[in-house]
Amino acid sequence: MEAEQRRMIAAHQEQQRAQAIMTHAGPALVDMIRKYDVQGRPAVTSNVERDFTEALPGATPEEFRTALEHLKASGIVHELTSSTQGFMGERTTHLYVLEG
């Protein structure tokens, strides 16, 4: 019984955390991606991540990735892998806003 209660509390806390990310970080991330689009520049994921961590005090790369994954799962943002390989075989990804 106690283990089930802890599991339910943990699930509720995770849901609240996800909501907080989508409430604050999600819209900020979408705005950052749109800024690149308005400038006619590709929204390279690593550049957007840098912008995200600089613009939001205390934001971490993990929070960026979490917010991005939530936006992708919600169908708001799409991450597209480039067909060319970059430094040491690393693939570049670009972000696109799908809604509105």
N, C-alpha and C. Protein backbone atom coordinates (compact mmCIF):
# COMPACT_ATOMS: atom_id res chain seq x y z
N MET A 1 0.83 -1.20 0.00
CA MET A 1 0.00 0.00 0.00
C MET A 1 0.87 1.26 0.00
N GLU A 2 1.89 1.29 0.85
CA GLU A 2 2.77 2.45 0.95
C GLU A 2 3.55 2.67 -0.35
N ALA A 3 4.00 1.59 -0.97
CA ALA A 3 4.74 1.69 -2.24
C ALA A 3 3.83 2.27 -3.33
N GLU A 4 2.60 1.87 -3.33
CA GLU A 4 1.64 2.39 -4.32
C GLU A 4 1.41 3.88 -4.11
N GLN A 5 1.32 4.29 -2.86
CA GLN A 5 1.14 5.71 -2.53
C GLN A 5 2.34 6.53 -3.01
N ARG A 6 3.54 6.02 -2.77
CA ARG A 6 4.76 6.72 -3.21
C ARG A 6 4.78 6.82 -4.75
N ARG A 7 4.38 5.75 -5.41
CA ARG A 7 4.34 5.76 -6.88
C ARG A 7 3.35 6.80 -7.39
N MET A 8 2.19 6.90 -6.75
CA MET A 8 1.18 7.87 -7.16
C MET A 8 1.67 9.29 -6.92
N ILE A 9 2.33 9.52 -5.78
CA ILE A 9 2.88 10.85 -5.48
C ILE A 9 3.95 11.22 -6.49
N ALA A 10 4.83 10.28 -6.81
CA ALA A 10 5.90 10.53 -7.79
C ALA A 10 5.30 10.84 -9.16
N ALA A 11 4.27 10.09 -9.54
CA ALA A 11 3.62 10.33 -10.84
C ALA A 11 2.98 11.72 -10.87
N HIS A 12 2.35 12.12 -9.76
CA HIS A 12 1.72 13.43 -9.68
C HIS A 12 2.76 14.54 -9.75
N GLN A 13 3.88 14.35 -9.04
CA GLN A 13 4.95 15.35 -9.08
C GLN A 13 5.52 15.49 -10.48
N GLU A 14 5.70 14.38 -11.17
CA GLU A 14 6.22 14.42 -12.55
C GLU A 14 5.24 15.15 -13.47
N GLN A 15 3.95 14.90 -13.27
CA GLN A 15 2.94 15.59 -14.07
C GLN A 15 2.97 17.09 -13.81
N GLN A 16 3.13 17.50 -12.56
CA GLN A 16 3.20 18.92 -12.23
C GLN A 16 4.46 19.55 -12.84
N ARG A 17 5.57 18.82 -12.80
CA ARG A 17 6.81 19.32 -13.37
C ARG A 17 6.66 19.50 -14.88
N ALA A 18 6.04 18.54 -15.53
CA ALA A 18 5.81 18.63 -16.97
C ALA A 18 4.93 19.82 -17.31
N GLN A 19 3.91 20.07 -16.49
CA GLN A 19 3.04 21.21 -16.71
C GLN A 19 3.80 22.52 -16.54
N ALA A 20 4.67 22.59 -15.54
CA ALA A 20 5.47 23.80 -15.32
C ALA A 20 6.39 24.05 -16.51
N ILE A 21 6.99 23.00 -17.02
CA ILE A 21 7.87 23.14 -18.18
C ILE A 21 7.09 23.67 -19.37
N MET A 22 5.93 23.09 -19.62
CA MET A 22 5.14 23.52 -20.77
C MET A 22 4.58 24.92 -20.57
N THR A 23 4.30 25.30 -19.33
CA THR A 23 3.76 26.63 -19.07
C THR A 23 4.77 27.72 -19.31
N HIS A 24 6.01 27.50 -18.93
CA HIS A 24 7.03 28.55 -19.01
C HIS A 24 8.07 28.29 -20.10
N ALA A 25 8.72 27.15 -20.02
CA ALA A 25 9.82 26.85 -20.93
C ALA A 25 9.32 26.55 -22.35
N GLY A 26 8.19 25.87 -22.45
CA GLY A 26 7.66 25.52 -23.76
C GLY A 26 7.42 26.73 -24.66
N PRO A 27 6.63 27.72 -24.19
CA PRO A 27 6.40 28.91 -25.01
C PRO A 27 7.69 29.67 -25.33
N ALA A 28 8.62 29.72 -24.37
CA ALA A 28 9.89 30.41 -24.61
C ALA A 28 10.67 29.70 -25.70
N LEU A 29 10.66 28.38 -25.67
CA LEU A 29 11.36 27.60 -26.69
C LEU A 29 10.74 27.80 -28.07
N VAL A 30 9.43 27.80 -28.14
CA VAL A 30 8.74 28.03 -29.42
C VAL A 30 9.10 29.42 -29.97
N ASP A 31 9.12 30.42 -29.09
CA ASP A 31 9.49 31.78 -29.52
C ASP A 31 10.90 31.82 -30.07
N MET A 32 11.82 31.11 -29.42
CA MET A 32 13.21 31.08 -29.88
C MET A 32 13.32 30.45 -31.27
N ILE A 33 12.59 29.38 -31.49
CA ILE A 33 12.62 28.71 -32.80
C ILE A 33 12.03 29.64 -33.86
N ARG A 34 10.92 30.30 -33.53
CA ARG A 34 10.29 31.22 -34.48
C ARG A 34 11.21 32.38 -34.84
N LYS A 35 12.01 32.85 -33.87
CA LYS A 35 12.94 33.95 -34.12
C LYS A 35 13.93 33.58 -35.23
N TYR A 36 14.41 32.36 -35.19
CA TYR A 36 15.31 31.90 -36.25
C TYR A 36 14.60 31.90 -37.59
N ASP A 37 13.36 31.44 -37.59
CA ASP A 37 12.57 31.38 -38.83
C ASP A 37 12.35 32.78 -39.41
N VAL A 38 12.01 33.72 -38.55
CA VAL A 38 11.78 35.11 -38.99
C VAL A 38 13.06 35.70 -39.60
N GLN A 39 14.21 35.32 -39.04
CA GLN A 39 15.49 35.80 -39.54
C GLN A 39 15.95 35.05 -40.79
N GLY A 40 15.20 34.02 -41.18
CA GLY A 40 15.56 33.24 -42.35
C GLY A 40 16.75 32.32 -42.10
N ARG A 41 16.98 31.99 -40.83
CA ARG A 41 18.09 31.11 -40.47
C ARG A 41 17.54 29.80 -39.93
N PRO A 42 18.27 28.71 -40.16
CA PRO A 42 17.80 27.43 -39.61
C PRO A 42 17.94 27.42 -38.08
N ALA A 43 16.98 26.83 -37.42
CA ALA A 43 17.02 26.72 -35.96
C ALA A 43 17.76 25.43 -35.60
N VAL A 44 19.09 25.51 -35.62
CA VAL A 44 19.92 24.35 -35.29
C VAL A 44 19.73 24.07 -33.80
N THR A 45 19.44 22.83 -33.48
CA THR A 45 19.10 22.45 -32.11
C THR A 45 20.15 22.91 -31.09
N SER A 46 21.41 22.73 -31.39
CA SER A 46 22.46 23.13 -30.43
C SER A 46 22.46 24.65 -30.21
N ASN A 47 22.17 25.43 -31.24
CA ASN A 47 22.10 26.89 -31.08
C ASN A 47 20.89 27.29 -30.24
N VAL A 48 19.76 26.64 -30.48
CA VAL A 48 18.54 26.94 -29.72
C VAL A 48 18.74 26.55 -28.25
N GLU A 49 19.43 25.43 -28.03
CA GLU A 49 19.72 25.01 -26.65
C GLU A 49 20.57 26.05 -25.93
N ARG A 50 21.57 26.57 -26.61
CA ARG A 50 22.43 27.61 -26.03
C ARG A 50 21.59 28.85 -25.71
N ASP A 51 20.75 29.28 -26.66
CA ASP A 51 19.87 30.43 -26.43
C ASP A 51 18.96 30.20 -25.23
N PHE A 52 18.42 29.00 -25.13
CA PHE A 52 17.49 28.62 -24.06
C PHE A 52 18.17 28.74 -22.70
N THR A 53 19.37 28.17 -22.57
CA THR A 53 20.05 28.19 -21.28
C THR A 53 20.54 29.59 -20.92
N GLU A 54 20.80 30.42 -21.93
CA GLU A 54 21.21 31.80 -21.66
C GLU A 54 20.02 32.68 -21.29
N ALA A 55 18.88 32.45 -21.94
CA ALA A 55 17.71 33.31 -21.75
C ALA A 55 16.94 33.01 -20.47
N LEU A 56 16.97 31.76 -20.03
CA LEU A 56 16.21 31.38 -18.84
C LEU A 56 17.18 31.11 -17.69
N PRO A 57 17.24 32.02 -16.73
CA PRO A 57 18.19 31.86 -15.62
C PRO A 57 18.02 30.52 -14.90
N GLY A 58 19.11 29.81 -14.75
CA GLY A 58 19.07 28.53 -14.05
C GLY A 58 18.64 27.35 -14.91
N ALA A 59 18.28 27.61 -16.16
CA ALA A 59 17.84 26.51 -17.04
C ALA A 59 19.04 25.64 -17.39
N THR A 60 18.80 24.34 -17.46
CA THR A 60 19.87 23.39 -17.77
C THR A 60 19.62 22.76 -19.14
N PRO A 61 20.66 22.17 -19.73
CA PRO A 61 20.45 21.45 -21.00
C PRO A 61 19.43 20.32 -20.86
N GLU A 62 19.36 19.71 -19.68
CA GLU A 62 18.37 18.65 -19.46
C GLU A 62 16.95 19.20 -19.52
N GLU A 63 16.76 20.40 -18.96
CA GLU A 63 15.43 21.03 -19.01
C GLU A 63 15.08 21.41 -20.45
N PHE A 64 16.08 21.86 -21.20
CA PHE A 64 15.86 22.15 -22.62
C PHE A 64 15.37 20.89 -23.32
N ARG A 65 16.08 19.79 -23.11
CA ARG A 65 15.74 18.53 -23.78
C ARG A 65 14.35 18.06 -23.35
N THR A 66 14.04 18.20 -22.06
CA THR A 66 12.71 17.80 -21.55
C THR A 66 11.62 18.64 -22.19
N ALA A 67 11.82 19.97 -22.23
CA ALA A 67 10.82 20.85 -22.85
C ALA A 67 10.67 20.51 -24.32
N LEU A 68 11.79 20.26 -25.00
CA LEU A 68 11.74 19.92 -26.42
C LEU A 68 10.99 18.62 -26.64
N GLU A 69 11.26 17.62 -25.82
CA GLU A 69 10.57 16.33 -25.95
C GLU A 69 9.06 16.48 -25.73
N HIS A 70 8.66 17.31 -24.76
CA HIS A 70 7.23 17.54 -24.52
C HIS A 70 6.60 18.25 -25.72
N LEU A 71 7.30 19.23 -26.28
CA LEU A 71 6.77 19.94 -27.45
C LEU A 71 6.67 19.02 -28.66
N LYS A 72 7.64 18.14 -28.82
CA LYS A 72 7.61 17.17 -29.92
C LYS A 72 6.46 16.18 -29.74
N ALA A 73 6.30 15.69 -28.50
CA ALA A 73 5.22 14.73 -28.21
C ALA A 73 3.84 15.36 -28.39
N SER A 74 3.76 16.67 -28.17
CA SER A 74 2.49 17.39 -28.33
C SER A 74 2.22 17.79 -29.78
N GLY A 75 3.18 17.55 -30.65
CA GLY A 75 3.00 17.91 -32.06
C GLY A 75 3.18 19.38 -32.35
N ILE A 76 3.85 20.10 -31.46
CA ILE A 76 4.05 21.54 -31.65
C ILE A 76 5.36 21.81 -32.39
N VAL A 77 6.37 21.00 -32.09
CA VAL A 77 7.69 21.17 -32.69
C VAL A 77 8.12 19.87 -33.34
N HIS A 78 8.83 19.99 -34.46
CA HIS A 78 9.41 18.82 -35.14
C HIS A 78 10.92 18.99 -35.18
N GLU A 79 11.65 17.93 -34.89
CA GLU A 79 13.11 17.94 -34.96
C GLU A 79 13.52 17.08 -36.15
N LEU A 80 14.21 17.70 -37.08
CA LEU A 80 14.61 17.03 -38.31
C LEU A 80 16.12 16.86 -38.34
N THR A 81 16.58 15.64 -38.59
CA THR A 81 18.01 15.36 -38.67
C THR A 81 18.51 15.66 -40.06
N SER A 82 19.62 16.39 -40.13
CA SER A 82 20.24 16.73 -41.42
C SER A 82 20.77 15.46 -42.07
N SER A 83 20.81 15.45 -43.38
CA SER A 83 21.30 14.29 -44.11
C SER A 83 22.83 14.27 -44.18
N THR A 84 23.46 15.34 -43.75
CA THR A 84 24.92 15.39 -43.78
C THR A 84 25.48 15.25 -42.38
N GLN A 85 26.65 14.68 -42.30
CA GLN A 85 27.29 14.49 -41.00
C GLN A 85 28.21 15.65 -40.70
N GLY A 86 28.23 16.02 -39.45
CA GLY A 86 29.10 17.11 -39.03
C GLY A 86 30.39 16.61 -38.43
N PHE A 87 30.91 17.33 -37.50
CA PHE A 87 32.16 17.02 -36.84
C PHE A 87 32.13 15.63 -36.21
N MET A 88 33.10 14.81 -36.53
CA MET A 88 33.25 13.45 -36.00
C MET A 88 31.98 12.61 -36.16
N GLY A 89 31.29 12.79 -37.29
CA GLY A 89 30.11 11.99 -37.59
C GLY A 89 28.85 12.41 -36.87
N GLU A 90 28.92 13.51 -36.13
CA GLU A 90 27.75 13.99 -35.40
C GLU A 90 26.72 14.56 -36.39
N ARG A 91 25.49 14.23 -36.15
CA ARG A 91 24.43 14.72 -37.02
C ARG A 91 23.85 16.02 -36.48
N THR A 92 23.58 16.95 -37.38
CA THR A 92 22.97 18.22 -37.00
C THR A 92 21.47 18.07 -37.09
N THR A 93 20.75 18.63 -36.12
CA THR A 93 19.29 18.61 -36.17
C THR A 93 18.77 20.04 -36.19
N HIS A 94 17.64 20.22 -36.87
CA HIS A 94 16.97 21.52 -36.97
C HIS A 94 15.59 21.40 -36.36
N LEU A 95 15.11 22.50 -35.79
CA LEU A 95 13.80 22.54 -35.15
C LEU A 95 12.83 23.38 -35.97
N TYR A 96 11.60 22.91 -36.05
CA TYR A 96 10.54 23.61 -36.79
C TYR A 96 9.28 23.65 -35.95
N VAL A 97 8.61 24.79 -35.91
CA VAL A 97 7.33 24.91 -35.22
C VAL A 97 6.25 24.48 -36.21
N LEU A 98 5.41 23.54 -35.79
CA LEU A 98 4.38 22.99 -36.68
C LEU A 98 3.04 23.69 -36.59
N GLU A 99 2.75 24.32 -35.46
CA GLU A 99 1.43 24.94 -35.30
C GLU A 99 1.49 26.44 -35.55
N GLY A 100 0.34 26.98 -35.91
CA GLY A 100 0.12 28.40 -36.05
C GLY A 100 1.16 29.16 -36.73
